[in-house]
PDB file of N, CA and C in Angstrom:
ATOM      1  N   MET A   1     123.918 113.299  92.888  1.00  0.00           N
ATOM      2  CA  MET A   1     122.576 112.723  92.776  1.00  0.00           C
ATOM      3  C   MET A   1     122.242 111.903  94.020  1.00  0.00           C
ATOM      4  N   ASN A   2     120.995 111.976  94.413  1.00  0.00           N
ATOM      5  CA  ASN A   2     120.533 111.255  95.597  1.00  0.00           C
ATOM      6  C   ASN A   2     119.910 109.905  95.284  1.00  0.00           C
ATOM      7  N   GLY A   3     119.849 109.514  94.046  1.00  0.00           N
ATOM      8  CA  GLY A   3     119.213 108.264  93.656  1.00  0.00           C
ATOM      9  C   GLY A   3     118.391 108.450  92.394  1.00  0.00           C
ATOM     10  N   LYS A   4     117.975 107.313  91.821  1.00  0.00           N
ATOM     11  CA  LYS A   4     117.230 107.321  90.564  1.00  0.00           C
ATOM     12  C   LYS A   4     115.785 106.926  90.817  1.00  0.00           C
ATOM     13  N   ILE A   5     114.878 107.737  90.284  1.00  0.00           N
ATOM     14  CA  ILE A   5     113.448 107.502  90.478  1.00  0.00           C
ATOM     15  C   ILE A   5     112.751 107.414  89.121  1.00  0.00           C
ATOM     16  N   LEU A   6     111.951 106.373  88.972  1.00  0.00           N
ATOM     17  CA  LEU A   6     111.130 106.196  87.784  1.00  0.00           C
ATOM     18  C   LEU A   6     109.698 106.591  88.116  1.00  0.00           C
ATOM     19  N   ILE A   7     109.138 107.483  87.308  1.00  0.00           N
ATOM     20  CA  ILE A   7     107.752 107.939  87.460  1.00  0.00           C
ATOM     21  C   ILE A   7     106.947 107.307  86.329  1.00  0.00           C
ATOM     22  N   VAL A   8     105.950 106.489  86.687  1.00  0.00           N
ATOM     23  CA  VAL A   8     105.136 105.802  85.684  1.00  0.00           C
ATOM     24  C   VAL A   8     103.689 106.262  85.838  1.00  0.00           C
ATOM     25  N   ASP A   9     103.213 107.028  84.878  1.00  0.00           N
ATOM     26  CA  ASP A   9     101.837 107.526  84.894  1.00  0.00           C
ATOM     27  C   ASP A   9     101.456 107.889  83.471  1.00  0.00           C
ATOM     28  N   ASP A  10     100.244 107.538  83.058  1.00  0.00           N
ATOM     29  CA  ASP A  10      99.811 107.868  81.701  1.00  0.00           C
ATOM     30  C   ASP A  10      99.424 109.337  81.576  1.00  0.00           C
ATOM     31  N   GLN A  11      99.248 110.033  82.703  1.00  0.00           N
ATOM     32  CA  GLN A  11      98.887 111.453  82.666  1.00  0.00           C
ATOM     33  C   GLN A  11     100.148 112.310  82.621  1.00  0.00           C
ATOM     34  N   PHE A  12     100.325 112.993  81.504  1.00  0.00           N
ATOM     35  CA  PHE A  12     101.506 113.825  81.274  1.00  0.00           C
ATOM     36  C   PHE A  12     101.716 114.843  82.390  1.00  0.00           C
ATOM     37  N   GLY A  13     100.646 115.514  82.812  1.00  0.00           N
ATOM     38  CA  GLY A  13     100.751 116.557  83.837  1.00  0.00           C
ATOM     39  C   GLY A  13     101.300 116.043  85.155  1.00  0.00           C
ATOM     40  N   ILE A  14     100.886 114.861  85.542  1.00  0.00           N
ATOM     41  CA  ILE A  14     101.379 114.278  86.798  1.00  0.00           C
ATOM     42  C   ILE A  14     102.847 113.915  86.670  1.00  0.00           C
ATOM     43  N   ARG A  15     103.226 113.339  85.523  1.00  0.00           N
ATOM     44  CA  ARG A  15     104.648 113.010  85.312  1.00  0.00           C
ATOM     45  C   ARG A  15     105.510 114.261  85.398  1.00  0.00           C
ATOM     46  N   ILE A  16     105.068 115.337  84.748  1.00  0.00           N
ATOM     47  CA  ILE A  16     105.842 116.580  84.737  1.00  0.00           C
ATOM     48  C   ILE A  16     105.956 117.168  86.143  1.00  0.00           C
ATOM     49  N   LEU A  17     104.835 117.198  86.867  1.00  0.00           N
ATOM     50  CA  LEU A  17     104.838 117.729  88.231  1.00  0.00           C
ATOM     51  C   LEU A  17     105.804 116.945  89.122  1.00  0.00           C
ATOM     52  N   LEU A  18     105.676 115.630  89.134  1.00  0.00           N
ATOM     53  CA  LEU A  18     106.547 114.811  89.980  1.00  0.00           C
ATOM     54  C   LEU A  18     108.002 114.928  89.550  1.00  0.00           C
ATOM     55  N   ASN A  19     108.220 114.966  88.247  1.00  0.00           N
ATOM     56  CA  ASN A  19     109.572 115.110  87.712  1.00  0.00           C
ATOM     57  C   ASN A  19     110.224 116.399  88.227  1.00  0.00           C
ATOM     58  N   GLU A  20     109.485 117.491  88.130  1.00  0.00           N
ATOM     59  CA  GLU A  20     109.998 118.790  88.561  1.00  0.00           C
ATOM     60  C   GLU A  20     110.316 118.797  90.058  1.00  0.00           C
ATOM     61  N   VAL A  21     109.369 118.318  90.850  1.00  0.00           N
ATOM     62  CA  VAL A  21     109.540 118.301  92.306  1.00  0.00           C
ATOM     63  C   VAL A  21     110.739 117.435  92.698  1.00  0.00           C
ATOM     64  N   LEU A  22     110.849 116.260  92.106  1.00  0.00           N
ATOM     65  CA  LEU A  22     111.915 115.335  92.495  1.00  0.00           C
ATOM     66  C   LEU A  22     113.278 115.762  91.975  1.00  0.00           C
ATOM     67  N   GLN A  23     113.337 116.401  90.816  1.00  0.00           N
ATOM     68  CA  GLN A  23     114.617 116.921  90.333  1.00  0.00           C
ATOM     69  C   GLN A  23     115.129 118.036  91.233  1.00  0.00           C
ATOM     70  N   LYS A  24     114.214 118.838  91.795  1.00  0.00           N
ATOM     71  CA  LYS A  24     114.624 119.885  92.742  1.00  0.00           C
ATOM     72  C   LYS A  24     115.242 119.283  93.996  1.00  0.00           C
ATOM     73  N   GLU A  25     114.860 118.042  94.301  1.00  0.00           N
ATOM     74  CA  GLU A  25     115.429 117.325  95.452  1.00  0.00           C
ATOM     75  C   GLU A  25     116.732 116.620  95.055  1.00  0.00           C
ATOM     76  N   VAL A  26     117.199 116.871  93.866  1.00  0.00           N
ATOM     77  CA  VAL A  26     118.453 116.346  93.299  1.00  0.00           C
ATOM     78  C   VAL A  26     118.416 114.831  93.074  1.00  0.00           C
ATOM     79  N   TYR A  27     117.248 114.314  92.662  1.00  0.00           N
ATOM     80  CA  TYR A  27     117.150 112.932  92.217  1.00  0.00           C
ATOM     81  C   TYR A  27     117.281 112.914  90.703  1.00  0.00           C
ATOM     82  N   GLU A  28     117.821 111.829  90.182  1.00  0.00           N
ATOM     83  CA  GLU A  28     117.808 111.607  88.740  1.00  0.00           C
ATOM     84  C   GLU A  28     116.468 110.943  88.429  1.00  0.00           C
ATOM     85  N   THR A  29     115.707 111.525  87.514  1.00  0.00           N
ATOM     86  CA  THR A  29     114.366 111.012  87.254  1.00  0.00           C
ATOM     87  C   THR A  29     114.234 110.470  85.832  1.00  0.00           C
ATOM     88  N   PHE A  30     113.348 109.496  85.710  1.00  0.00           N
ATOM     89  CA  PHE A  30     112.980 108.907  84.431  1.00  0.00           C
ATOM     90  C   PHE A  30     111.462 108.885  84.385  1.00  0.00           C
ATOM     91  N   GLN A  31     110.898 109.038  83.188  1.00  0.00           N
ATOM     92  CA  GLN A  31     109.449 109.048  83.045  1.00  0.00           C
ATOM     93  C   GLN A  31     109.000 107.996  82.045  1.00  0.00           C
ATOM     94  N   ALA A  32     107.880 107.357  82.378  1.00  0.00           N
ATOM     95  CA  ALA A  32     107.276 106.394  81.463  1.00  0.00           C
ATOM     96  C   ALA A  32     105.770 106.619  81.449  1.00  0.00           C
ATOM     97  N   ALA A  33     105.187 106.563  80.250  1.00  0.00           N
ATOM     98  CA  ALA A  33     103.742 106.761  80.101  1.00  0.00           C
ATOM     99  C   ALA A  33     102.990 105.440  80.079  1.00  0.00           C
ATOM    100  N   ASN A  34     103.729 104.320  79.972  1.00  0.00           N
ATOM    101  CA  ASN A  34     103.072 103.012  79.892  1.00  0.00           C
ATOM    102  C   ASN A  34     104.014 101.922  80.414  1.00  0.00           C
ATOM    103  N   GLY A  35     103.491 100.707  80.467  1.00  0.00           N
ATOM    104  CA  GLY A  35     104.248  99.590  81.016  1.00  0.00           C
ATOM    105  C   GLY A  35     105.482  99.229  80.216  1.00  0.00           C
ATOM    106  N   ILE A  36     105.386  99.259  78.904  1.00  0.00           N
ATOM    107  CA  ILE A  36     106.528  98.891  78.067  1.00  0.00           C
ATOM    108  C   ILE A  36     107.691  99.842  78.307  1.00  0.00           C
ATOM    109  N   GLN A  37     107.410 101.152  78.312  1.00  0.00           N
ATOM    110  CA  GLN A  37     108.469 102.134  78.591  1.00  0.00           C
ATOM    111  C   GLN A  37     109.048 101.922  79.989  1.00  0.00           C
ATOM    112  N   ALA A  38     108.180 101.670  80.960  1.00  0.00           N
ATOM    113  CA  ALA A  38     108.624 101.492  82.343  1.00  0.00           C
ATOM    114  C   ALA A  38     109.570 100.302  82.464  1.00  0.00           C
ATOM    115  N   LEU A  39     109.224  99.192  81.842  1.00  0.00           N
ATOM    116  CA  LEU A  39     110.057  97.994  81.933  1.00  0.00           C
ATOM    117  C   LEU A  39     111.392  98.188  81.226  1.00  0.00           C
ATOM    118  N   GLU A  40     111.402  98.939  80.127  1.00  0.00           N
ATOM    119  CA  GLU A  40     112.665  99.255  79.443  1.00  0.00           C
ATOM    120  C   GLU A  40     113.573 100.080  80.352  1.00  0.00           C
ATOM    121  N   ILE A  41     112.996 101.051  81.041  1.00  0.00           N
ATOM    122  CA  ILE A  41     113.788 101.903  81.939  1.00  0.00           C
ATOM    123  C   ILE A  41     114.336 101.074  83.105  1.00  0.00           C
ATOM    124  N   VAL A  42     113.523 100.161  83.631  1.00  0.00           N
ATOM    125  CA  VAL A  42     113.997  99.279  84.708  1.00  0.00           C
ATOM    126  C   VAL A  42     115.190  98.465  84.201  1.00  0.00           C
ATOM    127  N   ASP A  43     115.090  97.931  82.988  1.00  0.00           N
ATOM    128  CA  ASP A  43     116.196  97.151  82.403  1.00  0.00           C
ATOM    129  C   ASP A  43     117.460  97.987  82.223  1.00  0.00           C
ATOM    130  N   ASN A  44     117.295  99.205  81.714  1.00  0.00           N
ATOM    131  CA  ASN A  44     118.450 100.013  81.313  1.00  0.00           C
ATOM    132  C   ASN A  44     119.035 100.893  82.411  1.00  0.00           C
ATOM    133  N   HIS A  45     118.230 101.240  83.427  1.00  0.00           N
ATOM    134  CA  HIS A  45     118.710 102.232  84.408  1.00  0.00           C
ATOM    135  C   HIS A  45     118.604 101.790  85.863  1.00  0.00           C
ATOM    136  N   SER A  46     117.997 100.657  86.148  1.00  0.00           N
ATOM    137  CA  SER A  46     117.868 100.136  87.515  1.00  0.00           C
ATOM    138  C   SER A  46     117.505 101.226  88.532  1.00  0.00           C
ATOM    139  N   PRO A  47     116.305 101.776  88.443  1.00  0.00           N
ATOM    140  CA  PRO A  47     115.940 102.842  89.382  1.00  0.00           C
ATOM    141  C   PRO A  47     115.946 102.351  90.831  1.00  0.00           C
ATOM    142  N   ASP A  48     116.219 103.283  91.742  1.00  0.00           N
ATOM    143  CA  ASP A  48     116.224 102.965  93.170  1.00  0.00           C
ATOM    144  C   ASP A  48     114.805 102.928  93.735  1.00  0.00           C
ATOM    145  N   LEU A  49     113.895 103.649  93.072  1.00  0.00           N
ATOM    146  CA  LEU A  49     112.514 103.739  93.541  1.00  0.00           C
ATOM    147  C   LEU A  49     111.615 104.004  92.346  1.00  0.00           C
ATOM    148  N   VAL A  50     110.414 103.430  92.370  1.00  0.00           N
ATOM    149  CA  VAL A  50     109.437 103.626  91.295  1.00  0.00           C
ATOM    150  C   VAL A  50     108.155 104.195  91.904  1.00  0.00           C
ATOM    151  N   LEU A  51     107.643 105.265  91.292  1.00  0.00           N
ATOM    152  CA  LEU A  51     106.318 105.788  91.614  1.00  0.00           C
ATOM    153  C   LEU A  51     105.406 105.305  90.494  1.00  0.00           C
ATOM    154  N   LEU A  52     104.483 104.424  90.819  1.00  0.00           N
ATOM    155  CA  LEU A  52     103.713 103.710  89.803  1.00  0.00           C
ATOM    156  C   LEU A  52     102.215 103.962  89.949  1.00  0.00           C
ATOM    157  N   ASP A  53     101.621 104.544  88.904  1.00  0.00           N
ATOM    158  CA  ASP A  53     100.171 104.707  88.860  1.00  0.00           C
ATOM    159  C   ASP A  53      99.545 103.337  88.593  1.00  0.00           C
ATOM    160  N   MET A  54      98.407 103.083  89.193  1.00  0.00           N
ATOM    161  CA  MET A  54      97.755 101.785  89.025  1.00  0.00           C
ATOM    162  C   MET A  54      96.837 101.729  87.810  1.00  0.00           C
ATOM    163  N   LYS A  55      96.253 102.862  87.424  1.00  0.00           N
ATOM    164  CA  LYS A  55      95.294 102.894  86.314  1.00  0.00           C
ATOM    165  C   LYS A  55      95.983 103.414  85.061  1.00  0.00           C
ATOM    166  N   ILE A  56      96.548 102.493  84.299  1.00  0.00           N
ATOM    167  CA  ILE A  56      97.235 102.847  83.062  1.00  0.00           C
ATOM    168  C   ILE A  56      96.617 101.998  81.952  1.00  0.00           C
ATOM    169  N   PRO A  57      96.225 102.615  80.843  1.00  0.00           N
ATOM    170  CA  PRO A  57      95.652 101.832  79.737  1.00  0.00           C
ATOM    171  C   PRO A  57      96.642 100.783  79.231  1.00  0.00           C
ATOM    172  N   GLY A  58      96.112  99.677  78.775  1.00  0.00           N
ATOM    173  CA  GLY A  58      96.975  98.595  78.276  1.00  0.00           C
ATOM    174  C   GLY A  58      97.406  97.734  79.458  1.00  0.00           C
ATOM    175  N   MET A  59      98.684  97.763  79.761  1.00  0.00           N
ATOM    176  CA  MET A  59      99.231  97.021  80.892  1.00  0.00           C
ATOM    177  C   MET A  59      98.977  97.848  82.158  1.00  0.00           C
ATOM    178  N   ASP A  60      98.112  97.357  83.053  1.00  0.00           N
ATOM    179  CA  ASP A  60      97.803  98.150  84.246  1.00  0.00           C
ATOM    180  C   ASP A  60      98.926  98.068  85.285  1.00  0.00           C
ATOM    181  N   GLY A  61      98.772  98.836  86.340  1.00  0.00           N
ATOM    182  CA  GLY A  61      99.816  98.938  87.348  1.00  0.00           C
ATOM    183  C   GLY A  61     100.155  97.620  88.015  1.00  0.00           C
ATOM    184  N   ILE A  62      99.157  96.776  88.248  1.00  0.00           N
ATOM    185  CA  ILE A  62      99.408  95.471  88.875  1.00  0.00           C
ATOM    186  C   ILE A  62     100.298  94.624  87.971  1.00  0.00           C
ATOM    187  N   GLU A  63      99.981  94.587  86.674  1.00  0.00           N
ATOM    188  CA  GLU A  63     100.784  93.803  85.733  1.00  0.00           C
ATOM    189  C   GLU A  63     102.206  94.376  85.614  1.00  0.00           C
ATOM    190  N   ILE A  64     102.313  95.703  85.577  1.00  0.00           N
ATOM    191  CA  ILE A  64     103.640  96.342  85.517  1.00  0.00           C
ATOM    192  C   ILE A  64     104.439  95.971  86.764  1.00  0.00           C
ATOM    193  N   LEU A  65     103.808  96.048  87.927  1.00  0.00           N
ATOM    194  CA  LEU A  65     104.477  95.707  89.179  1.00  0.00           C
ATOM    195  C   LEU A  65     104.946  94.251  89.169  1.00  0.00           C
ATOM    196  N   LYS A  66     104.090  93.330  88.733  1.00  0.00           N
ATOM    197  CA  LYS A  66     104.468  91.907  88.652  1.00  0.00           C
ATOM    198  C   LYS A  66     105.705  91.734  87.776  1.00  0.00           C
ATOM    199  N   ARG A  67     105.700  92.377  86.609  1.00  0.00           N
ATOM    200  CA  ARG A  67     106.824  92.216  85.667  1.00  0.00           C
ATOM    201  C   ARG A  67     108.100  92.874  86.192  1.00  0.00           C
ATOM    202  N   MET A  68     107.958  94.001  86.886  1.00  0.00           N
ATOM    203  CA  MET A  68     109.128  94.634  87.490  1.00  0.00           C
ATOM    204  C   MET A  68     109.742  93.713  88.540  1.00  0.00           C
ATOM    205  N   ARG A  69     108.896  93.072  89.344  1.00  0.00           N
ATOM    206  CA  ARG A  69     109.379  92.184  90.410  1.00  0.00           C
ATOM    207  C   ARG A  69     110.028  90.924  89.816  1.00  0.00           C
ATOM    208  N   GLN A  70     109.571  90.494  88.627  1.00  0.00           N
ATOM    209  CA  GLN A  70     110.219  89.359  87.959  1.00  0.00           C
ATOM    210  C   GLN A  70     111.633  89.735  87.529  1.00  0.00           C
ATOM    211  N   LYS A  71     111.817  90.979  87.101  1.00  0.00           N
ATOM    212  CA  LYS A  71     113.132  91.450  86.671  1.00  0.00           C
ATOM    213  C   LYS A  71     114.050  91.711  87.862  1.00  0.00           C
ATOM    214  N   ASP A  72     113.473  92.271  88.928  1.00  0.00           N
ATOM    215  CA  ASP A  72     114.256  92.644  90.107  1.00  0.00           C
ATOM    216  C   ASP A  72     113.354  92.511  91.333  1.00  0.00           C
ATOM    217  N   GLU A  73     113.505  91.409  92.058  1.00  0.00           N
ATOM    218  CA  GLU A  73     112.577  91.171  93.176  1.00  0.00           C
ATOM    219  C   GLU A  73     112.762  92.144  94.328  1.00  0.00           C
ATOM    220  N   SER A  74     113.857  92.896  94.330  1.00  0.00           N
ATOM    221  CA  SER A  74     114.075  93.868  95.408  1.00  0.00           C
ATOM    222  C   SER A  74     113.675  95.294  95.007  1.00  0.00           C
ATOM    223  N   ILE A  75     113.086  95.446  93.814  1.00  0.00           N
ATOM    224  CA  ILE A  75     112.720  96.792  93.349  1.00  0.00           C
ATOM    225  C   ILE A  75     111.739  97.434  94.332  1.00  0.00           C
ATOM    226  N   ARG A  76     111.956  98.703  94.603  1.00  0.00           N
ATOM    227  CA  ARG A  76     111.146  99.439  95.576  1.00  0.00           C
ATOM    228  C   ARG A  76     110.105 100.265  94.826  1.00  0.00           C
ATOM    229  N   VAL A  77     108.818 100.033  95.152  1.00  0.00           N
ATOM    230  CA  VAL A  77     107.726 100.651  94.402  1.00  0.00           C
ATOM    231  C   VAL A  77     106.716 101.282  95.362  1.00  0.00           C
ATOM    232  N   ILE A  78     106.348 102.513  95.056  1.00  0.00           N
ATOM    233  CA  ILE A  78     105.259 103.210  95.726  1.00  0.00           C
ATOM    234  C   ILE A  78     104.153 103.369  94.689  1.00  0.00           C
ATOM    235  N   ILE A  79     102.936 102.977  95.055  1.00  0.00           N
ATOM    236  CA  ILE A  79     101.855 103.068  94.079  1.00  0.00           C
ATOM    237  C   ILE A  79     101.018 104.329  94.291  1.00  0.00           C
ATOM    238  N   MET A  80     100.441 104.793  93.192  1.00  0.00           N
ATOM    239  CA  MET A  80      99.543 105.951  93.196  1.00  0.00           C
ATOM    240  C   MET A  80      98.226 105.482  92.594  1.00  0.00           C
ATOM    241  N   THR A  81      97.121 105.806  93.264  1.00  0.00           N
ATOM    242  CA  THR A  81      95.841 105.330  92.775  1.00  0.00           C
ATOM    243  C   THR A  81      94.722 106.266  93.213  1.00  0.00           C
ATOM    244  N   ALA A  82      93.571 106.119  92.579  1.00  0.00           N
ATOM    245  CA  ALA A  82      92.411 106.920  92.963  1.00  0.00           C
ATOM    246  C   ALA A  82      91.942 106.493  94.348  1.00  0.00           C
ATOM    247  N   TYR A  83      91.376 107.407  95.060  1.00  0.00           N
ATOM    248  CA  TYR A  83      90.886 107.122  96.401  1.00  0.00           C
ATOM    249  C   TYR A  83      89.871 105.983  96.370  1.00  0.00           C
ATOM    250  N   GLY A  84      90.016 105.050  97.295  1.00  0.00           N
ATOM    251  CA  GLY A  84      89.014 104.013  97.462  1.00  0.00           C
ATOM    252  C   GLY A  84      89.249 102.722  96.711  1.00  0.00           C
ATOM    253  N   GLU A  85      90.322 102.592  95.960  1.00  0.00           N
ATOM    254  CA  GLU A  85      90.591 101.352  95.217  1.00  0.00           C
ATOM    255  C   GLU A  85      91.295 100.352  96.124  1.00  0.00           C
ATOM    256  N   LEU A  86      90.595  99.927  97.175  1.00  0.00           N
ATOM    257  CA  LEU A  86      91.202  99.119  98.227  1.00  0.00           C
ATOM    258  C   LEU A  86      91.691  97.764  97.743  1.00  0.00           C
ATOM    259  N   ASP A  87      90.945  97.112  96.847  1.00  0.00           N
ATOM    260  CA  ASP A  87      91.373  95.800  96.344  1.00  0.00           C
ATOM    261  C   ASP A  87      92.688  95.908  95.597  1.00  0.00           C
ATOM    262  N   MET A  88      92.794  96.937  94.760  1.00  0.00           N
ATOM    263  CA  MET A  88      94.010  97.126  93.981  1.00  0.00           C
ATOM    264  C   MET A  88      95.189  97.466  94.893  1.00  0.00           C
ATOM    265  N   ILE A  89      94.945  98.293  95.893  1.00  0.00           N
ATOM    266  CA  ILE A  89      96.003  98.658  96.849  1.00  0.00           C
ATOM    267  C   ILE A  89      96.496  97.404  97.568  1.00  0.00           C
ATOM    268  N   GLN A  90      95.579  96.557  98.016  1.00  0.00           N
ATOM    269  CA  GLN A  90      95.974  95.342  98.733  1.00  0.00           C
ATOM    270  C   GLN A  90      96.748  94.397  97.820  1.00  0.00           C
ATOM    271  N   LYS A  91      96.283  94.253  96.584  1.00  0.00           N
ATOM    272  CA  LYS A  91      96.967  93.382  95.627  1.00  0.00           C
ATOM    273  C   LYS A  91      98.405  93.880  95.390  1.00  0.00           C
ATOM    274  N   ALA A  92      98.558  95.193  95.245  1.00  0.00           N
ATOM    275  CA  ALA A  92      99.889  95.775  95.023  1.00  0.00           C
ATOM    276  C   ALA A  92     100.784  95.564  96.246  1.00  0.00           C
ATOM    277  N   LYS A  93     100.227  95.727  97.429  1.00  0.00           N
ATOM    278  CA  LYS A  93     101.021  95.505  98.650  1.00  0.00           C
ATOM    279  C   LYS A  93     101.411  94.034  98.780  1.00  0.00           C
ATOM    280  N   ASP A  94     100.516  93.136  98.376  1.00  0.00           N
ATOM    281  CA  ASP A  94     100.840  91.704  98.379  1.00  0.00           C
ATOM    282  C   ASP A  94     101.994  91.407  97.425  1.00  0.00           C
ATOM    283  N   LEU A  95     102.106  92.208  96.378  1.00  0.00           N
ATOM    284  CA  LEU A  95     103.193  92.043  95.402  1.00  0.00           C
ATOM    285  C   LEU A  95     104.463  92.803  95.813  1.00  0.00           C
ATOM    286  N   GLY A  96     104.424  93.444  96.971  1.00  0.00           N
ATOM    287  CA  GLY A  96     105.636  94.079  97.484  1.00  0.00           C
ATOM    288  C   GLY A  96     105.682  95.587  97.432  1.00  0.00           C
ATOM    289  N   ALA A  97     104.584  96.248  97.047  1.00  0.00           N
ATOM    290  CA  ALA A  97     104.593  97.717  97.057  1.00  0.00           C
ATOM    291  C   ALA A  97     104.826  98.201  98.490  1.00  0.00           C
ATOM    292  N   LEU A  98     105.610  99.257  98.636  1.00  0.00           N
ATOM    293  CA  LEU A  98     105.980  99.767  99.957  1.00  0.00           C
ATOM    294  C   LEU A  98     104.830 100.497 100.636  1.00  0.00           C
ATOM    295  N   THR A  99     104.166 101.358  99.883  1.00  0.00           N
ATOM    296  CA  THR A  99     103.056 102.148 100.400  1.00  0.00           C
ATOM    297  C   THR A  99     102.271 102.679  99.207  1.00  0.00           C
ATOM    298  N   HIS A 100     101.256 103.490  99.474  1.00  0.00           N
ATOM    299  CA  HIS A 100     100.463 104.042  98.364  1.00  0.00           C
ATOM    300  C   HIS A 100     100.064 105.478  98.671  1.00  0.00           C
ATOM    301  N   PHE A 101      99.753 106.190  97.601  1.00  0.00           N
ATOM    302  CA  PHE A 101      99.198 107.537  97.683  1.00  0.00           C
ATOM    303  C   PHE A 101      97.892 107.550  96.926  1.00  0.00           C
ATOM    304  N   ALA A 102      96.888 108.187  97.511  1.00  0.00           N
ATOM    305  CA  ALA A 102      95.623 108.381  96.815  1.00  0.00           C
ATOM    306  C   ALA A 102      95.692 109.702  96.060  1.00  0.00           C
ATOM    307  N   LYS A 103      95.212 109.694  94.825  1.00  0.00           N
ATOM    308  CA  LYS A 103      95.142 110.934  94.043  1.00  0.00           C
ATOM    309  C   LYS A 103      93.850 111.644  94.394  1.00  0.00           C
ATOM    310  N   PRO A 104      93.810 112.944  94.484  1.00  0.00           N
ATOM    311  CA  PRO A 104      94.974 113.835  94.359  1.00  0.00           C
ATOM    312  C   PRO A 104      95.837 113.749  95.623  1.00  0.00           C
ATOM    313  N   PHE A 105      97.146 113.767  95.433  1.00  0.00           N
ATOM    314  CA  PHE A 105      98.056 113.621  96.559  1.00  0.00           C
ATOM    315  C   PHE A 105      98.674 114.950  96.957  1.00  0.00           C
ATOM    316  N   ASP A 106      99.194 114.974  98.160  1.00  0.00           N
ATOM    317  CA  ASP A 106      99.898 116.135  98.686  1.00  0.00           C
ATOM    318  C   ASP A 106     101.368 115.991  98.287  1.00  0.00           C
ATOM    319  N   ILE A 107     101.864 116.941  97.540  1.00  0.00           N
ATOM    320  CA  ILE A 107     103.225 116.843  97.001  1.00  0.00           C
ATOM    321  C   ILE A 107     104.274 116.785  98.114  1.00  0.00           C
ATOM    322  N   ASP A 108     103.999 117.441  99.236  1.00  0.00           N
ATOM    323  CA  ASP A 108     104.937 117.370 100.365  1.00  0.00           C
ATOM    324  C   ASP A 108     104.989 115.974 100.969  1.00  0.00           C
ATOM    325  N   ASP A 109     103.854 115.286 100.987  1.00  0.00           N
ATOM    326  CA  ASP A 109     103.831 113.899 101.468  1.00  0.00           C
ATOM    327  C   ASP A 109     104.664 113.003 100.557  1.00  0.00           C
ATOM    328  N   ILE A 110     104.544 113.222  99.264  1.00  0.00           N
ATOM    329  CA  ILE A 110     105.332 112.421  98.313  1.00  0.00           C
ATOM    330  C   ILE A 110     106.821 112.688  98.523  1.00  0.00           C
ATOM    331  N   ARG A 111     107.177 113.951  98.622  1.00  0.00           N
ATOM    332  CA  ARG A 111     108.581 114.328  98.814  1.00  0.00           C
ATOM    333  C   ARG A 111     109.155 113.636 100.061  1.00  0.00           C
ATOM    334  N   LYS A 112     108.398 113.694 101.158  1.00  0.00           N
ATOM    335  CA  LYS A 112     108.840 113.116 102.424  1.00  0.00           C
ATOM    336  C   LYS A 112     108.949 111.585 102.330  1.00  0.00           C
ATOM    337  N   THR A 113     107.959 110.954 101.712  1.00  0.00           N
ATOM    338  CA  THR A 113     107.946 109.496 101.598  1.00  0.00           C
ATOM    339  C   THR A 113     109.053 109.000 100.674  1.00  0.00           C
ATOM    340  N   VAL A 114     109.293 109.704  99.573  1.00  0.00           N
ATOM    341  CA  VAL A 114     110.381 109.332  98.681  1.00  0.00           C
ATOM    342  C   VAL A 114     111.708 109.379  99.444  1.00  0.00           C
ATOM    343  N   LYS A 115     111.905 110.434 100.194  1.00  0.00           N
ATOM    344  CA  LYS A 115     113.140 110.582 100.970  1.00  0.00           C
ATOM    345  C   LYS A 115     113.302 109.411 101.956  1.00  0.00           C
ATOM    346  N   GLU A 116     112.184 108.981 102.527  1.00  0.00           N
ATOM    347  CA  GLU A 116     112.184 107.885 103.498  1.00  0.00           C
ATOM    348  C   GLU A 116     112.544 106.538 102.846  1.00  0.00           C
ATOM    349  N   TYR A 117     112.048 106.304 101.627  1.00  0.00           N
ATOM    350  CA  TYR A 117     112.192 104.991 100.995  1.00  0.00           C
ATOM    351  C   TYR A 117     113.310 104.879  99.962  1.00  0.00           C
ATOM    352  N   ILE A 118     113.875 105.997  99.554  1.00  0.00           N
ATOM    353  CA  ILE A 118     114.907 105.941  98.509  1.00  0.00           C
ATOM    354  C   ILE A 118     116.138 105.209  99.018  1.00  0.00           C
ATOM    355  N   VAL A 119     116.740 104.435  98.154  1.00  0.00           N
ATOM    356  CA  VAL A 119     117.991 103.745  98.483  1.00  0.00           C
ATOM    357  C   VAL A 119     119.062 104.362  97.603  1.00  0.00           C
ATOM    358  N   SER A 120     119.919 105.154  98.205  1.00  0.00           N
ATOM    359  CA  SER A 120     120.958 105.836  97.409  1.00  0.00           C
ATOM    360  C   SER A 120     122.178 104.974  97.238  1.00  0.00           C
TER     361      SER A 120
END
């Protein structure tokens, strides 16, 4: 295994797509549809990298990111968001997000960026 990646997105199709692509790269993947699931996975599996959608019903991406950083201040997070959400992107970067992807994203860009930021 090349590292553990947590995919957090309320959209099932995006989770499945990213899961498939990243497993082919020989990463161990975990999926969460909401903040509560994501925080449980962080507690139980200590992922090396998190792909975090910002627009999630209930606990949004900013709140999830804040809580993840409270649990592990060195957690590595890449955010995914709709094009043009500049305030949210800046807020996430202020909280320590490494970079961001605008949806719809290029899967090759994600693959390359994950490889760049993963800590094995």
